[in-house]
Amino acid sequence: MAKISPIQFFRQVKQEVKKVTWPTRKEVMQTSFMVIVIVAIAATFFFFVDQFFGWIVKLIFGLGV
């Protein structure tokens, strides 16, 4: 690979950044909202699964229910 000068490197970086398609504010808000909703659903699901398995373990080992 040929060596390039730092100035040339940064020019190439600047050209590549101009080619990036950045998301709109609306797209960012929609995807952020969806991530928050999915995380909340997953957290709720795993909370109840954990509670269920904790109850089963207490039953098995007789630690009182």
N, C-alpha and C. Protein backbone atom coordinates (compact mmCIF):
# COMPACT_ATOMS: atom_id res chain seq x y z
N MET A 1 0.84 -1.17 0.00
CA MET A 1 0.00 0.00 0.00
C MET A 1 0.89 1.24 0.00
N ALA A 2 0.60 2.15 -0.87
CA ALA A 2 1.41 3.36 -1.01
C ALA A 2 1.17 4.28 0.18
N LYS A 3 2.25 4.93 0.61
CA LYS A 3 2.12 5.88 1.71
C LYS A 3 1.57 7.20 1.17
N ILE A 4 0.68 7.80 1.96
CA ILE A 4 0.14 9.10 1.57
C ILE A 4 0.43 10.09 2.68
N SER A 5 0.45 11.34 2.33
CA SER A 5 0.73 12.37 3.33
C SER A 5 -0.52 12.57 4.20
N PRO A 6 -0.31 13.07 5.40
CA PRO A 6 -1.47 13.33 6.28
C PRO A 6 -2.46 14.30 5.66
N ILE A 7 -1.99 15.28 4.93
CA ILE A 7 -2.90 16.25 4.29
C ILE A 7 -3.76 15.55 3.26
N GLN A 8 -3.16 14.70 2.44
CA GLN A 8 -3.91 13.97 1.42
C GLN A 8 -4.91 13.01 2.09
N PHE A 9 -4.49 12.38 3.17
CA PHE A 9 -5.38 11.48 3.90
C PHE A 9 -6.63 12.21 4.36
N PHE A 10 -6.45 13.37 4.99
CA PHE A 10 -7.61 14.12 5.48
C PHE A 10 -8.49 14.65 4.36
N ARG A 11 -7.91 14.96 3.21
CA ARG A 11 -8.73 15.35 2.05
C ARG A 11 -9.60 14.18 1.61
N GLN A 12 -9.03 12.99 1.61
CA GLN A 12 -9.80 11.81 1.21
C GLN A 12 -10.90 11.51 2.23
N VAL A 13 -10.60 11.69 3.50
CA VAL A 13 -11.61 11.49 4.53
C VAL A 13 -12.76 12.46 4.33
N LYS A 14 -12.44 13.72 4.05
CA LYS A 14 -13.46 14.74 3.84
C LYS A 14 -14.35 14.38 2.64
N GLN A 15 -13.74 13.88 1.57
CA GLN A 15 -14.51 13.46 0.39
C GLN A 15 -15.45 12.31 0.73
N GLU A 16 -14.96 11.34 1.50
CA GLU A 16 -15.78 10.19 1.86
C GLU A 16 -16.94 10.58 2.77
N VAL A 17 -16.69 11.49 3.70
CA VAL A 17 -17.76 11.93 4.60
C VAL A 17 -18.87 12.62 3.83
N LYS A 18 -18.53 13.33 2.76
CA LYS A 18 -19.55 13.98 1.93
C LYS A 18 -20.45 12.97 1.24
N LYS A 19 -19.98 11.74 1.04
CA LYS A 19 -20.76 10.71 0.36
C LYS A 19 -21.76 10.02 1.30
N VAL A 20 -21.59 10.22 2.60
CA VAL A 20 -22.45 9.55 3.58
C VAL A 20 -23.86 10.11 3.50
N THR A 21 -24.85 9.22 3.54
CA THR A 21 -26.24 9.64 3.60
C THR A 21 -26.65 9.66 5.07
N TRP A 22 -26.80 10.85 5.62
CA TRP A 22 -27.12 10.99 7.03
C TRP A 22 -28.63 10.87 7.23
N PRO A 23 -29.07 10.23 8.33
CA PRO A 23 -30.51 10.11 8.57
C PRO A 23 -31.11 11.47 8.92
N THR A 24 -32.39 11.60 8.62
CA THR A 24 -33.10 12.83 8.98
C THR A 24 -33.43 12.80 10.47
N ARG A 25 -33.80 13.95 10.98
CA ARG A 25 -34.18 14.03 12.41
C ARG A 25 -35.36 13.10 12.69
N LYS A 26 -36.31 13.06 11.75
CA LYS A 26 -37.50 12.20 11.92
C LYS A 26 -37.09 10.73 11.99
N GLU A 27 -36.19 10.31 11.12
CA GLU A 27 -35.73 8.92 11.13
C GLU A 27 -35.02 8.57 12.44
N VAL A 28 -34.20 9.49 12.93
CA VAL A 28 -33.50 9.26 14.19
C VAL A 28 -34.49 9.13 15.34
N MET A 29 -35.49 10.00 15.36
CA MET A 29 -36.49 9.96 16.43
C MET A 29 -37.30 8.66 16.38
N GLN A 30 -37.69 8.24 15.17
CA GLN A 30 -38.48 7.01 15.02
C GLN A 30 -37.68 5.78 15.46
N THR A 31 -36.45 5.68 15.00
CA THR A 31 -35.65 4.50 15.35
C THR A 31 -35.29 4.51 16.83
N SER A 32 -35.03 5.68 17.40
CA SER A 32 -34.74 5.77 18.83
C SER A 32 -35.95 5.33 19.65
N PHE A 33 -37.13 5.79 19.25
CA PHE A 33 -38.36 5.40 19.94
C PHE A 33 -38.56 3.89 19.87
N MET A 34 -38.34 3.31 18.69
CA MET A 34 -38.52 1.86 18.54
C MET A 34 -37.53 1.09 19.41
N VAL A 35 -36.31 1.55 19.49
CA VAL A 35 -35.31 0.89 20.34
C VAL A 35 -35.75 0.94 21.80
N ILE A 36 -36.23 2.08 22.25
CA ILE A 36 -36.68 2.22 23.64
C ILE A 36 -37.85 1.28 23.91
N VAL A 37 -38.80 1.19 22.98
CA VAL A 37 -39.96 0.31 23.16
C VAL A 37 -39.53 -1.15 23.21
N ILE A 38 -38.68 -1.57 22.29
CA ILE A 38 -38.22 -2.96 22.26
C ILE A 38 -37.44 -3.30 23.53
N VAL A 39 -36.59 -2.40 23.99
CA VAL A 39 -35.83 -2.64 25.23
C VAL A 39 -36.78 -2.76 26.42
N ALA A 40 -37.80 -1.92 26.48
CA ALA A 40 -38.77 -1.99 27.58
C ALA A 40 -39.53 -3.32 27.55
N ILE A 41 -39.93 -3.76 26.37
CA ILE A 41 -40.63 -5.05 26.25
C ILE A 41 -39.72 -6.19 26.67
N ALA A 42 -38.47 -6.19 26.20
CA ALA A 42 -37.53 -7.26 26.56
C ALA A 42 -37.26 -7.25 28.06
N ALA A 43 -37.07 -6.06 28.64
CA ALA A 43 -36.80 -5.98 30.08
C ALA A 43 -37.98 -6.52 30.89
N THR A 44 -39.19 -6.17 30.49
CA THR A 44 -40.39 -6.67 31.18
C THR A 44 -40.48 -8.18 31.06
N PHE A 45 -40.26 -8.72 29.87
CA PHE A 45 -40.30 -10.16 29.66
C PHE A 45 -39.28 -10.87 30.54
N PHE A 46 -38.04 -10.41 30.53
CA PHE A 46 -37.00 -11.07 31.31
C PHE A 46 -37.22 -10.90 32.81
N PHE A 47 -37.83 -9.80 33.22
CA PHE A 47 -38.17 -9.63 34.63
C PHE A 47 -39.13 -10.73 35.08
N PHE A 48 -40.19 -10.95 34.29
CA PHE A 48 -41.17 -11.97 34.67
C PHE A 48 -40.60 -13.38 34.57
N VAL A 49 -39.77 -13.64 33.59
CA VAL A 49 -39.12 -14.95 33.49
C VAL A 49 -38.23 -15.18 34.71
N ASP A 50 -37.48 -14.15 35.11
CA ASP A 50 -36.61 -14.26 36.28
C ASP A 50 -37.43 -14.49 37.55
N GLN A 51 -38.54 -13.79 37.69
CA GLN A 51 -39.40 -13.98 38.85
C GLN A 51 -39.95 -15.41 38.90
N PHE A 52 -40.34 -15.92 37.75
CA PHE A 52 -40.88 -17.27 37.66
C PHE A 52 -39.82 -18.30 38.07
N PHE A 53 -38.63 -18.18 37.52
CA PHE A 53 -37.58 -19.14 37.85
C PHE A 53 -37.15 -19.01 39.32
N GLY A 54 -37.16 -17.79 39.84
CA GLY A 54 -36.87 -17.60 41.26
C GLY A 54 -37.89 -18.31 42.13
N TRP A 55 -39.14 -18.22 41.75
CA TRP A 55 -40.22 -18.90 42.48
C TRP A 55 -40.03 -20.42 42.43
N ILE A 56 -39.66 -20.95 41.24
CA ILE A 56 -39.42 -22.39 41.08
C ILE A 56 -38.27 -22.83 41.98
N VAL A 57 -37.18 -22.07 42.00
CA VAL A 57 -36.02 -22.43 42.83
C VAL A 57 -36.41 -22.43 44.31
N LYS A 58 -37.19 -21.44 44.72
CA LYS A 58 -37.63 -21.40 46.12
C LYS A 58 -38.50 -22.62 46.45
N LEU A 59 -39.35 -23.04 45.52
CA LEU A 59 -40.16 -24.24 45.74
C LEU A 59 -39.30 -25.48 45.88
N ILE A 60 -38.33 -25.61 45.02
CA ILE A 60 -37.47 -26.80 45.01
C ILE A 60 -36.65 -26.89 46.30
N PHE A 61 -36.06 -25.80 46.72
CA PHE A 61 -35.19 -25.82 47.88
C PHE A 61 -35.91 -25.52 49.19
N GLY A 62 -37.22 -25.32 49.12
CA GLY A 62 -38.02 -25.12 50.33
C GLY A 62 -37.65 -23.87 51.09
N LEU A 63 -37.35 -22.81 50.39
CA LEU A 63 -36.96 -21.57 51.06
C LEU A 63 -38.17 -20.71 51.42
N GLY A 64 -39.34 -21.27 51.26
CA GLY A 64 -40.56 -20.52 51.58
C GLY A 64 -41.05 -19.72 50.39
N VAL A 65 -42.34 -19.74 50.25
CA VAL A 65 -42.93 -19.03 49.12
C VAL A 65 -43.77 -17.90 49.65
